[in-house]
């Protein structure tokens, strides 16, 4: 494996904000008063920053870690209507989810969101019968206006032809329905880029150490740059707390007597190498409330998830040995043992669902968004799901506009007038992008087809910026690891155009190398070396 020892200068970039250095960004944050400071760069904070910048507000967004560095990059990678919500009678919610799912897949991010067929096996003695599931998947399809196909029931033999790993003992039938999936980390990074291209100023690895107060109102935040220790502050007319599992921690900075507003549920997942071809995902009912997923994702197999109350430090959440055993045991209901061998495991991860406070178990809690206003005027938002992240951003914008005496009303464009289907950067047909990458090359050079396809479905038309790096320095066209499609040009691109500061930023979230179990000490060292050579 050839590893580049130097990185080329990239020169100019599509947007200055994307290429701003940390010192320049800190200076920009410290010298102005922003209309809105968003604390938290998970998907909710990023969505609000994107919509607020589109509405004409001066927006700043900071995160103590990396963008989408916690729960937002630890999801089940699904963009879905929520089949299980039908059994609780949440028909309107499912219809809304379907609408957002289809808008993402067709108009906003067709280069990042991909269709996925689901098989739902019905076993003898299982919690749900074939007739009920057949009716359920038909209704589920109807709520999406049959835009992806008609939910139906097929025979075990037909299902196994699609998924040879399907366990057929006591299998009565298989229900079929349709949803979508994504690489959540890549969608998050593209949404940050969209916010910056709309005018937002963003900085990751910037920890809030205190809130600024003016006449009893929250008017900004004190911050510390975790990369070099620099301390600075940001002034803002309105502050939004979108820190996810840490939302109550920040609320107590505003008011030390603030009562808890949320509770947490841990969801763990496993990633395995695939032994068999998977042309459909499997969703297997475990009990009345829970489904276990086996998803073909990034040419691997993603299993999960758990759902249990979590009361520890959010920073310490991880998949435990108990989680691994539970996920493998539950997957074995419908997946053959050979495909679940522990030797196939490459990675395990866990995230925290933010749920409304209240009675009952976390498995029955509604996945709804919690919005509260503190005594110092800080607005806090938590919860929700990936599928509806754009909708949640618009909801928060509407809430900001309706706050009594809101200082933003006169300056922001009404939410209803925003372009509701603004695409994410790089929007393009992935097939066309992959074709271009394969045919447009310097004499004597040719991009690996797997790499071309990977770039097209993770960057869209921005893939051509990465290809230009390879044209400037062919060593950047070498694979980072021979068993993964990523190339070294992506590391340089993550450094200079996607705010990557640490090896984890690159290997876990800008690429799939950690998830594949391929982030060797040698590779981590080389990535750290490239990051240290950042321009400027």
Protein backbone atom coordinates (compact mmCIF):
# COMPACT_ATOMS: atom_id res chain seq x y z
CA UNK A 1 0.00 0.00 0.00
CA UNK A 2 1.42 3.34 -1.01
CA UNK A 3 0.79 6.15 1.46
CA UNK A 4 1.40 9.73 0.33
CA UNK A 5 4.08 11.62 2.23
CA UNK A 6 2.91 15.06 1.15
CA UNK A 7 -0.33 16.83 0.38
CA UNK A 8 -0.87 19.40 -2.35
CA UNK A 9 -2.13 22.90 -1.78
CA UNK A 10 -5.77 23.13 -2.72
CA UNK A 11 -5.87 26.81 -3.50
CA UNK A 12 -9.37 28.21 -3.62
CA UNK A 13 -12.52 26.35 -2.65
CA UNK A 14 -16.17 26.66 -3.68
CA UNK A 15 -16.95 28.70 -0.55
CA UNK A 16 -14.61 30.64 1.71
CA UNK A 17 -16.51 29.49 4.79
CA UNK A 18 -15.74 25.87 4.04
CA UNK A 19 -12.02 26.64 3.83
CA UNK A 20 -11.74 29.01 6.81
CA UNK A 21 -9.03 28.13 9.31
CA UNK A 22 -9.77 27.81 13.02
CA UNK A 23 -8.07 31.05 14.02
CA UNK A 24 -9.91 32.95 11.31
CA UNK A 25 -13.22 31.37 12.33
CA UNK A 26 -12.68 32.15 16.04
CA UNK A 27 -11.93 35.77 15.17
CA UNK A 28 -15.07 35.95 13.04
CA UNK A 29 -17.17 34.46 15.85
CA UNK A 30 -15.73 36.77 18.52
CA UNK A 31 -15.99 40.10 16.71
CA UNK A 32 -19.67 40.08 15.71
CA UNK A 33 -23.05 39.84 17.41
CA UNK A 34 -25.02 37.00 15.85
CA UNK A 35 -28.76 36.81 15.53
CA UNK A 36 -28.67 33.14 16.53
CA UNK A 37 -26.01 31.05 18.25
CA UNK A 38 -26.69 27.32 17.94
CA UNK A 39 -24.86 25.25 20.54
CA UNK A 40 -24.66 21.67 19.34
CA UNK A 41 -23.73 20.46 15.86
CA UNK A 42 -25.77 17.30 15.79
CA UNK A 43 -28.45 16.94 13.20
CA UNK A 44 -31.01 19.13 15.01
CA UNK A 45 -28.63 22.01 15.57
CA UNK A 46 -27.32 21.73 12.02
CA UNK A 47 -30.83 21.72 10.58
CA UNK A 48 -31.78 24.84 12.53
CA UNK A 49 -28.54 26.58 11.52
CA UNK A 50 -29.22 25.73 7.87
CA UNK A 51 -32.81 26.99 7.93
CA UNK A 52 -31.95 30.07 9.99
CA UNK A 53 -29.19 31.08 7.60
CA UNK A 54 -31.57 30.59 4.67
CA UNK A 55 -34.05 32.89 6.40
CA UNK A 56 -31.51 35.74 6.42
CA UNK A 57 -30.27 35.55 9.99
CA UNK A 58 -26.63 35.87 10.98
CA UNK A 59 -25.99 32.40 12.41
CA UNK A 60 -23.15 30.82 14.38
CA UNK A 61 -22.96 27.13 15.33
CA UNK A 62 -20.46 25.45 17.67
CA UNK A 63 -20.01 21.93 18.99
CA UNK A 64 -17.85 20.60 21.81
CA UNK A 65 -16.87 17.63 19.66
CA UNK A 66 -17.11 16.91 15.97
CA UNK A 67 -20.21 17.68 13.95
CA UNK A 68 -22.56 14.70 14.36
CA UNK A 69 -19.89 13.23 16.60
CA UNK A 70 -22.31 11.59 19.04
CA UNK A 71 -25.81 10.21 18.48
CA UNK A 72 -26.29 11.74 15.04
CA UNK A 73 -23.64 9.42 13.61
CA UNK A 74 -24.75 6.41 15.70
CA UNK A 75 -28.19 5.82 14.21
CA UNK A 76 -29.63 2.83 12.34
CA UNK A 77 -28.85 4.75 9.10
CA UNK A 78 -32.53 4.64 8.07
CA UNK A 79 -34.74 7.22 6.44
CA UNK A 80 -38.09 5.61 7.08
CA UNK A 81 -41.78 6.08 7.75
CA UNK A 82 -41.76 4.05 10.96
CA UNK A 83 -43.76 0.89 10.37
CA UNK A 84 -44.08 0.11 14.07
CA UNK A 85 -45.79 3.45 14.73
CA UNK A 86 -48.87 2.14 12.91
CA UNK A 87 -49.69 -0.23 15.75
CA UNK A 88 -49.97 2.74 18.13
CA UNK A 89 -52.40 4.48 15.77
CA UNK A 90 -49.93 7.21 14.79
CA UNK A 91 -51.17 7.31 11.20
CA UNK A 92 -50.56 11.03 10.73
CA UNK A 93 -46.98 10.67 12.01
CA UNK A 94 -46.24 7.83 9.58
CA UNK A 95 -47.68 9.84 6.68
CA UNK A 96 -45.53 12.86 7.63
CA UNK A 97 -42.46 10.64 7.91
CA UNK A 98 -43.14 9.17 4.47
CA UNK A 99 -43.44 12.66 3.00
CA UNK A 100 -40.08 13.74 4.42
CA UNK A 101 -38.48 10.46 3.38
CA UNK A 102 -39.54 10.85 -0.22
CA UNK A 103 -38.54 14.53 -0.38
CA UNK A 104 -35.07 13.63 0.89
CA UNK A 105 -34.73 10.79 -1.58
CA UNK A 106 -36.09 12.65 -4.63
CA UNK A 107 -35.28 16.34 -4.19
CA UNK A 108 -32.92 17.09 -1.31
CA UNK A 109 -30.35 14.29 -1.23
CA UNK A 110 -30.84 11.68 -3.97
CA UNK A 111 -27.04 11.36 -4.06
CA UNK A 112 -26.98 10.34 -0.37
CA UNK A 113 -30.30 8.58 0.34
CA UNK A 114 -30.90 5.19 -1.26
CA UNK A 115 -34.01 2.97 -1.62
CA UNK A 116 -34.08 -0.21 0.43
CA UNK A 117 -36.52 -3.13 0.29
CA UNK A 118 -37.44 -4.67 3.64
CA UNK A 119 -38.46 -8.24 4.40
CA UNK A 120 -40.38 -8.85 7.60
CA UNK A 121 -40.35 -12.60 8.41
CA UNK A 122 -43.27 -14.24 10.20
CA UNK A 123 -42.34 -17.29 12.26
CA UNK A 124 -44.53 -19.85 13.95
CA UNK A 125 -45.27 -18.63 17.46
CA UNK A 126 -44.04 -15.10 16.66
CA UNK A 127 -45.57 -11.93 18.17
CA UNK A 128 -47.45 -10.96 14.96
CA UNK A 129 -49.33 -13.08 12.42
CA UNK A 130 -48.94 -13.04 8.65
CA UNK A 131 -52.41 -11.63 7.96
CA UNK A 132 -51.92 -8.70 10.32
CA UNK A 133 -48.47 -7.93 8.93
CA UNK A 134 -49.75 -8.17 5.37
CA UNK A 135 -52.45 -5.63 6.14
CA UNK A 136 -49.90 -3.47 7.96
CA UNK A 137 -47.39 -3.27 5.12
CA UNK A 138 -50.19 -2.56 2.63
CA UNK A 139 -51.41 0.33 4.81
CA UNK A 140 -47.82 1.50 5.20
CA UNK A 141 -47.42 1.63 1.42
CA UNK A 142 -50.76 3.41 1.05
CA UNK A 143 -49.60 6.17 3.40
CA UNK A 144 -46.76 6.88 0.97
CA UNK A 145 -49.24 6.87 -1.94
CA UNK A 146 -47.66 3.60 -3.16
CA UNK A 147 -44.75 5.69 -4.42
CA UNK A 148 -42.24 2.91 -3.76
CA UNK A 149 -44.42 -0.10 -4.49
CA UNK A 150 -47.21 -2.03 -2.81
CA UNK A 151 -46.58 -3.81 0.47
CA UNK A 152 -47.32 -7.52 0.16
CA UNK A 153 -46.65 -11.00 1.52
CA UNK A 154 -44.35 -13.43 -0.29
CA UNK A 155 -43.40 -17.06 0.22
CA UNK A 156 -40.39 -18.19 2.30
CA UNK A 157 -38.77 -19.62 -0.84
CA UNK A 158 -38.98 -16.32 -2.71
CA UNK A 159 -37.62 -14.44 0.30
CA UNK A 160 -34.66 -16.80 0.69
CA UNK A 161 -33.81 -16.39 -2.98
CA UNK A 162 -33.31 -12.68 -2.25
CA UNK A 163 -31.58 -13.27 1.09
CA UNK A 164 -29.78 -16.62 1.33
CA UNK A 165 -28.93 -15.85 4.98
CA UNK A 166 -32.62 -15.97 5.96
CA UNK A 167 -33.42 -18.63 8.57
CA UNK A 168 -36.29 -20.73 7.21
CA UNK A 169 -37.09 -23.06 10.13
CA UNK A 170 -40.71 -22.43 11.21
CA UNK A 171 -40.93 -19.57 8.70
CA UNK A 172 -44.55 -19.11 7.60
CA UNK A 173 -44.39 -16.07 5.31
CA UNK A 174 -42.51 -12.83 4.68
CA UNK A 175 -44.06 -9.38 4.43
CA UNK A 176 -42.42 -6.85 2.10
CA UNK A 177 -42.30 -3.06 2.38
CA UNK A 178 -40.09 -0.20 1.20
CA UNK A 179 -38.01 2.53 2.87
CA UNK A 180 -34.62 4.25 2.40
CA UNK A 181 -31.21 4.34 4.06
CA UNK A 182 -28.16 6.62 4.18
CA UNK A 183 -24.73 7.16 5.64
CA UNK A 184 -25.77 9.43 8.51
CA UNK A 185 -22.29 10.95 9.01
CA UNK A 186 -22.09 12.01 5.37
CA UNK A 187 -25.59 13.54 5.36
CA UNK A 188 -24.66 15.47 8.51
CA UNK A 189 -21.46 16.85 6.98
CA UNK A 190 -23.32 17.86 3.84
CA UNK A 191 -25.93 19.65 5.95
CA UNK A 192 -23.19 21.57 7.79
CA UNK A 193 -21.81 22.55 4.40
CA UNK A 194 -25.27 23.66 3.29
CA UNK A 195 -25.54 25.87 6.37
CA UNK A 196 -22.13 27.43 5.67
CA UNK A 197 -23.00 28.01 2.01
CA UNK A 198 -26.13 29.82 3.26
CA UNK A 199 -23.94 32.10 5.41
CA UNK A 200 -23.55 30.35 8.78
CA UNK A 201 -20.21 30.41 10.63
CA UNK A 202 -19.38 27.07 12.24
CA UNK A 203 -16.69 25.62 14.51
CA UNK A 204 -16.38 22.11 15.88
CA UNK A 205 -14.27 21.02 18.88
CA UNK A 206 -15.29 24.26 20.64
CA UNK A 207 -16.63 23.62 24.15
CA UNK A 208 -19.03 25.95 25.95
CA UNK A 209 -17.56 26.79 29.37
CA UNK A 210 -20.24 29.27 30.39
CA UNK A 211 -23.13 31.39 29.19
CA UNK A 212 -23.00 35.15 28.77
CA UNK A 213 -25.81 37.02 30.53
CA UNK A 214 -27.09 40.55 29.90
CA UNK A 215 -29.78 41.90 32.26
CA UNK A 216 -30.81 38.37 33.19
CA UNK A 217 -31.00 37.13 29.61
CA UNK A 218 -28.69 34.68 27.89
CA UNK A 219 -26.72 36.73 25.37
CA UNK A 220 -23.98 34.42 24.17
CA UNK A 221 -21.44 31.88 25.35
CA UNK A 222 -17.87 31.54 26.55
CA UNK A 223 -15.94 28.87 24.66
CA UNK A 224 -12.65 27.00 24.68
CA UNK A 225 -11.10 25.62 21.52
CA UNK A 226 -10.31 22.01 22.37
CA UNK A 227 -7.72 21.82 19.58
CA UNK A 228 -5.31 24.45 20.96
CA UNK A 229 -6.91 25.66 24.20
CA UNK A 230 -7.74 29.18 22.95
CA UNK A 231 -10.58 30.82 24.90
CA UNK A 232 -13.03 33.15 23.19
CA UNK A 233 -16.67 34.19 23.29
CA UNK A 234 -19.66 34.68 21.03
CA UNK A 235 -22.40 37.28 21.46
CA UNK A 236 -25.89 36.49 20.17
CA UNK A 237 -29.38 37.91 20.36
CA UNK A 238 -30.84 34.41 20.78
CA UNK A 239 -29.11 31.21 21.93
CA UNK A 240 -30.38 27.76 20.98
CA UNK A 241 -29.37 24.75 23.06
CA UNK A 242 -29.30 21.75 20.71
CA UNK A 243 -26.82 19.62 22.63
CA UNK A 244 -28.83 16.38 22.54
CA UNK A 245 -28.08 14.18 25.57
CA UNK A 246 -26.37 17.17 27.21
CA UNK A 247 -29.38 19.49 26.83
CA UNK A 248 -30.15 19.56 30.57
CA UNK A 249 -26.49 20.17 31.42
CA UNK A 250 -26.59 23.40 29.42
CA UNK A 251 -30.01 24.31 30.83
CA UNK A 252 -28.49 24.15 34.30
CA UNK A 253 -25.81 26.64 33.18
CA UNK A 254 -28.71 29.01 32.51
CA UNK A 255 -30.63 28.08 35.70
CA UNK A 256 -29.01 25.79 38.27
CA UNK A 257 -32.48 24.82 39.50
CA UNK A 258 -33.78 23.74 36.07
CA UNK A 259 -35.74 20.51 36.34
CA UNK A 260 -34.86 17.59 34.01
CA UNK A 261 -36.68 17.81 30.68
CA UNK A 262 -35.59 14.55 29.03
CA UNK A 263 -34.62 10.94 29.59
CA UNK A 264 -32.20 8.83 27.61
CA UNK A 265 -32.39 5.47 25.89
CA UNK A 266 -29.32 3.67 24.57
CA UNK A 267 -29.34 2.06 21.15
CA UNK A 268 -26.40 -0.17 20.23
CA UNK A 269 -25.47 -1.60 16.82
CA UNK A 270 -23.01 -4.09 15.39
CA UNK A 271 -21.28 -4.09 12.00
CA UNK A 272 -20.26 -7.39 10.38
CA UNK A 273 -18.64 -8.44 7.15
CA UNK A 274 -21.16 -10.03 4.81
CA UNK A 275 -20.85 -13.69 3.88
CA UNK A 276 -23.98 -13.80 1.71
CA UNK A 277 -25.53 -11.43 -0.82
CA UNK A 278 -28.30 -9.27 0.68
CA UNK A 279 -30.74 -7.70 -1.74
CA UNK A 280 -33.20 -6.77 1.01
CA UNK A 281 -33.02 -5.72 4.63
CA UNK A 282 -34.70 -7.77 7.34
CA UNK A 283 -36.88 -6.35 10.09
CA UNK A 284 -37.87 -9.03 12.60
CA UNK A 285 -40.45 -8.46 15.37
CA UNK A 286 -38.99 -9.33 18.78
CA UNK A 287 -42.04 -8.48 20.85
CA UNK A 288 -45.06 -6.19 20.71
CA UNK A 289 -42.93 -3.03 20.60
CA UNK A 290 -39.50 -3.89 19.25
CA UNK A 291 -38.06 -4.86 15.88
CA UNK A 292 -34.50 -6.01 15.26
CA UNK A 293 -32.87 -4.95 11.99
CA UNK A 294 -30.37 -6.72 9.75
CA UNK A 295 -29.45 -4.14 7.12
CA UNK A 296 -27.14 -4.34 4.11
CA UNK A 297 -25.17 -1.11 4.48
CA UNK A 298 -21.90 0.04 2.85
CA UNK A 299 -21.32 -3.56 1.58
CA UNK A 300 -21.45 -4.69 5.22
CA UNK A 301 -24.20 -5.96 7.53
CA UNK A 302 -25.59 -3.63 10.20
CA UNK A 303 -27.42 -5.24 13.13
CA UNK A 304 -29.46 -3.64 15.91
CA UNK A 305 -30.76 -2.05 17.85
CA UNK A 306 -31.18 -2.14 21.62
CA UNK A 307 -33.52 0.11 23.57
CA UNK A 308 -32.77 0.50 27.26
CA UNK A 309 -32.81 3.29 29.81
CA UNK A 310 -29.49 5.09 30.19
CA UNK A 311 -28.51 7.20 33.20
CA UNK A 312 -24.72 7.48 32.89
CA UNK A 313 -22.51 10.20 31.43
CA UNK A 314 -23.46 10.64 27.75
CA UNK A 315 -19.76 10.86 26.90
CA UNK A 316 -19.26 7.30 28.17
CA UNK A 317 -21.95 5.58 26.11
CA UNK A 318 -20.66 2.54 24.21
CA UNK A 319 -21.72 -0.91 23.10
CA UNK A 320 -21.05 -3.40 25.88
CA UNK A 321 -20.52 -7.17 25.78
CA UNK A 322 -24.11 -7.52 26.97
CA UNK A 323 -25.29 -5.41 24.02
CA UNK A 324 -23.28 -7.56 21.60
CA UNK A 325 -24.81 -10.76 22.95
CA UNK A 326 -28.33 -9.34 22.85
CA UNK A 327 -28.02 -8.07 19.28
CA UNK A 328 -26.56 -11.34 18.00
CA UNK A 329 -29.17 -13.40 19.88
CA UNK A 330 -32.02 -11.33 18.48
CA UNK A 331 -30.58 -11.35 14.96
CA UNK A 332 -30.47 -15.16 15.17
CA UNK A 333 -34.29 -15.21 15.13
CA UNK A 334 -34.13 -14.63 11.37
CA UNK A 335 -30.46 -14.81 10.26
CA UNK A 336 -28.52 -18.03 9.88
CA UNK A 337 -25.76 -18.65 12.43
CA UNK A 338 -22.93 -18.71 9.87
CA UNK A 339 -23.66 -15.07 8.98
CA UNK A 340 -23.52 -14.02 12.65
CA UNK A 341 -20.15 -15.49 13.58
CA UNK A 342 -18.22 -13.18 15.89
CA UNK A 343 -15.19 -13.39 13.64
CA UNK A 344 -17.16 -11.30 11.13
CA UNK A 345 -17.61 -8.36 13.53
CA UNK A 346 -15.71 -5.22 12.57
CA UNK A 347 -17.25 -2.56 14.83
CA UNK A 348 -19.80 -1.93 17.57
CA UNK A 349 -21.25 1.45 18.47
CA UNK A 350 -24.00 3.01 20.57
CA UNK A 351 -25.93 6.28 20.65
CA UNK A 352 -28.49 7.88 22.91
CA UNK A 353 -32.09 8.62 21.98
CA UNK A 354 -33.34 11.79 23.65
CA UNK A 355 -36.91 11.18 24.82
CA UNK A 356 -39.49 13.34 26.62
CA UNK A 357 -39.51 12.96 30.37
CA UNK A 358 -42.44 11.04 31.84
CA UNK A 359 -43.69 7.70 33.12
CA UNK A 360 -43.41 4.32 31.44
CA UNK A 361 -40.55 2.45 29.82
CA UNK A 362 -38.32 4.00 27.19
CA UNK A 363 -39.38 1.39 24.62
CA UNK A 364 -42.91 2.86 24.55
CA UNK A 365 -41.90 6.54 24.73
CA UNK A 366 -42.80 8.75 21.79
CA UNK A 367 -39.94 9.81 19.53
CA UNK A 368 -41.02 13.43 19.62
CA UNK A 369 -39.13 16.71 19.81
CA UNK A 370 -38.97 18.54 23.15
CA UNK A 371 -38.78 22.36 22.97
CA UNK A 372 -38.42 24.42 26.16
CA UNK A 373 -37.62 28.04 26.99
CA UNK A 374 -35.47 28.80 30.02
CA UNK A 375 -35.82 31.65 32.49
CA UNK A 376 -32.91 33.40 30.76
CA UNK A 377 -34.56 33.16 27.34
CA UNK A 378 -32.45 30.30 25.99
CA UNK A 379 -34.42 27.95 23.78
CA UNK A 380 -33.64 24.24 24.11
CA UNK A 381 -34.57 21.58 21.57
CA UNK A 382 -33.98 17.84 21.80
CA UNK A 383 -35.29 14.58 20.40
CA UNK A 384 -36.82 13.75 17.08
CA UNK A 385 -35.46 11.50 14.35
CA UNK A 386 -33.26 11.69 11.28
CA UNK A 387 -36.08 11.26 8.77
CA UNK A 388 -37.78 14.48 9.86
CA UNK A 389 -34.72 16.58 10.64
CA UNK A 390 -35.60 19.22 8.05
CA UNK A 391 -39.13 19.49 9.42
CA UNK A 392 -37.80 19.90 12.96
CA UNK A 393 -35.56 22.72 11.78
CA UNK A 394 -38.59 24.54 10.38
CA UNK A 395 -40.58 23.90 13.57
CA UNK A 396 -37.85 25.49 15.68
CA UNK A 397 -37.66 28.46 13.33
CA UNK A 398 -41.41 28.97 13.72
CA UNK A 399 -41.01 28.76 17.50
CA UNK A 400 -38.25 31.37 17.42
CA UNK A 401 -40.47 33.71 15.46
CA UNK A 402 -43.34 33.32 17.93
CA UNK A 403 -41.35 33.86 21.13
CA UNK A 404 -42.80 36.81 23.06
CA UNK A 405 -40.74 39.86 22.17
CA UNK A 406 -38.48 37.79 19.91
CA UNK A 407 -35.61 39.97 18.69
CA UNK A 408 -35.51 38.00 15.44
CA UNK A 409 -38.99 38.59 14.04
CA UNK A 410 -38.19 41.73 12.07
CA UNK A 411 -34.98 40.31 10.61
CA UNK A 412 -35.93 36.82 9.51
CA UNK A 413 -37.70 35.73 6.39
CA UNK A 414 -40.97 33.97 7.28
CA UNK A 415 -40.50 30.21 7.49
CA UNK A 416 -43.36 29.57 5.06
CA UNK A 417 -41.52 31.54 2.37
CA UNK A 418 -38.36 29.41 2.51
CA UNK A 419 -37.59 27.07 -0.36
CA UNK A 420 -38.87 23.88 1.21
CA UNK A 421 -36.88 21.45 -0.93
CA UNK A 422 -33.47 23.10 -1.03
CA UNK A 423 -31.02 20.36 -2.06
CA UNK A 424 -27.90 19.47 -0.15
CA UNK A 425 -24.54 20.28 -1.77
CA UNK A 426 -23.34 17.88 -4.42
CA UNK A 427 -26.81 16.94 -5.66
CA UNK A 428 -26.43 14.90 -8.84
CA UNK A 429 -27.29 11.53 -10.27
CA UNK A 430 -24.75 9.16 -8.65
CA UNK A 431 -24.66 6.95 -11.74
CA UNK A 432 -23.74 9.92 -13.92
CA UNK A 433 -21.09 11.07 -11.45
CA UNK A 434 -19.54 7.60 -11.27
CA UNK A 435 -19.48 7.41 -15.07
CA UNK A 436 -17.74 10.79 -15.32
CA UNK A 437 -15.16 9.77 -12.73
CA UNK A 438 -14.35 6.66 -14.76
CA UNK A 439 -14.08 8.33 -18.17
CA UNK A 440 -12.58 11.72 -17.21
CA UNK A 441 -9.00 11.07 -16.19
CA UNK A 442 -5.46 12.02 -17.01
CA UNK A 443 -3.62 9.86 -19.58
CA UNK A 444 -2.34 6.70 -17.96
CA UNK A 445 -4.63 7.06 -14.93
CA UNK A 446 -7.92 5.32 -14.23
CA UNK A 447 -9.98 5.44 -11.07
CA UNK A 448 -10.95 2.16 -9.44
CA UNK A 449 -14.66 1.48 -10.22
CA UNK A 450 -15.43 0.73 -6.56
CA UNK A 451 -13.84 4.01 -5.52
CA UNK A 452 -15.72 5.91 -8.22
CA UNK A 453 -19.03 4.46 -7.04
CA UNK A 454 -18.18 5.17 -3.41
CA UNK A 455 -17.33 8.81 -4.14
CA UNK A 456 -20.46 9.32 -6.25
CA UNK A 457 -22.77 8.04 -3.49
CA UNK A 458 -21.04 9.92 -0.66
CA UNK A 459 -20.15 13.27 -2.23
CA UNK A 460 -22.27 13.57 -5.37
CA UNK A 461 -20.83 16.14 -7.76
CA UNK A 462 -18.31 17.22 -5.10
CA UNK A 463 -16.51 14.02 -6.08
CA UNK A 464 -14.94 15.99 -8.91
CA UNK A 465 -13.10 18.17 -6.37
CA UNK A 466 -11.57 14.98 -4.96
CA UNK A 467 -10.72 13.75 -8.44
CA UNK A 468 -8.86 17.02 -9.11
CA UNK A 469 -6.71 16.37 -6.05
CA UNK A 470 -5.74 13.03 -7.54
CA UNK A 471 -4.92 14.68 -10.88
CA UNK A 472 -2.59 17.09 -9.00
CA UNK A 473 -0.96 14.32 -6.97
CA UNK A 474 -1.58 10.75 -8.24
CA UNK A 475 -0.38 9.28 -4.92
CA UNK A 476 -3.62 10.59 -3.38
CA UNK A 477 -5.50 8.17 -5.63
CA UNK A 478 -4.13 5.19 -3.68
CA UNK A 479 -6.54 3.39 -1.38
CA UNK A 480 -6.11 4.14 2.32
CA UNK A 481 -6.54 0.42 2.96
CA UNK A 482 -6.77 -2.27 0.27
CA UNK A 483 -10.02 -3.62 1.72
CA UNK A 484 -11.90 -0.28 1.60
CA UNK A 485 -12.83 1.95 -1.35
CA UNK A 486 -11.62 5.22 0.23
CA UNK A 487 -8.54 6.98 -1.15
CA UNK A 488 -6.06 9.37 0.44
CA UNK A 489 -7.52 12.34 -1.44
CA UNK A 490 -10.59 12.01 0.80
CA UNK A 491 -8.42 12.54 3.87
CA UNK A 492 -7.03 15.75 2.40
CA UNK A 493 -10.51 16.84 1.36
CA UNK A 494 -11.89 16.12 4.86
CA UNK A 495 -9.09 18.21 6.31
CA UNK A 496 -9.44 21.22 4.03
CA UNK A 497 -13.15 21.24 3.14
CA UNK A 498 -15.01 19.27 5.82
CA UNK A 499 -13.66 20.57 9.16
CA UNK A 500 -11.90 17.32 10.14
CA UNK A 501 -9.50 17.94 13.03
CA UNK A 502 -8.70 14.48 14.42
CA UNK A 503 -8.12 10.99 13.03
CA UNK A 504 -11.53 9.97 14.41
CA UNK A 505 -13.18 12.82 12.49
CA UNK A 506 -11.71 11.37 9.30
CA UNK A 507 -11.79 7.63 9.92
CA UNK A 508 -15.09 7.31 11.80
CA UNK A 509 -17.25 10.05 10.25
CA UNK A 510 -15.83 11.36 6.95
CA UNK A 511 -15.01 7.82 5.79
CA UNK A 512 -16.02 4.25 6.73
CA UNK A 513 -12.57 2.93 7.69
CA UNK A 514 -13.26 2.67 11.44
CA UNK A 515 -16.62 1.04 10.90
CA UNK A 516 -14.92 -1.51 8.67
CA UNK A 517 -12.35 -2.25 11.38
CA UNK A 518 -9.52 -0.99 9.15
CA UNK A 519 -8.21 2.01 11.11
CA UNK A 520 -4.84 0.43 11.89
CA UNK A 521 -2.24 2.28 14.01
CA UNK A 522 -0.22 2.90 10.84
CA UNK A 523 -3.21 4.47 9.05
CA UNK A 524 -4.16 6.56 12.10
CA UNK A 525 -0.61 7.86 12.27
CA UNK A 526 -0.55 8.79 8.59
CA UNK A 527 -3.93 10.52 8.87
CA UNK A 528 -2.70 12.49 11.91
CA UNK A 529 0.36 13.51 9.89
CA UNK A 530 -1.76 14.76 7.00
CA UNK A 531 -4.02 16.68 9.40
CA UNK A 532 -0.97 18.36 10.92
CA UNK A 533 -0.07 19.74 7.48
CA UNK A 534 -3.28 21.74 7.24
CA UNK A 535 -3.04 24.76 4.96
CA UNK A 536 -2.19 27.94 6.85
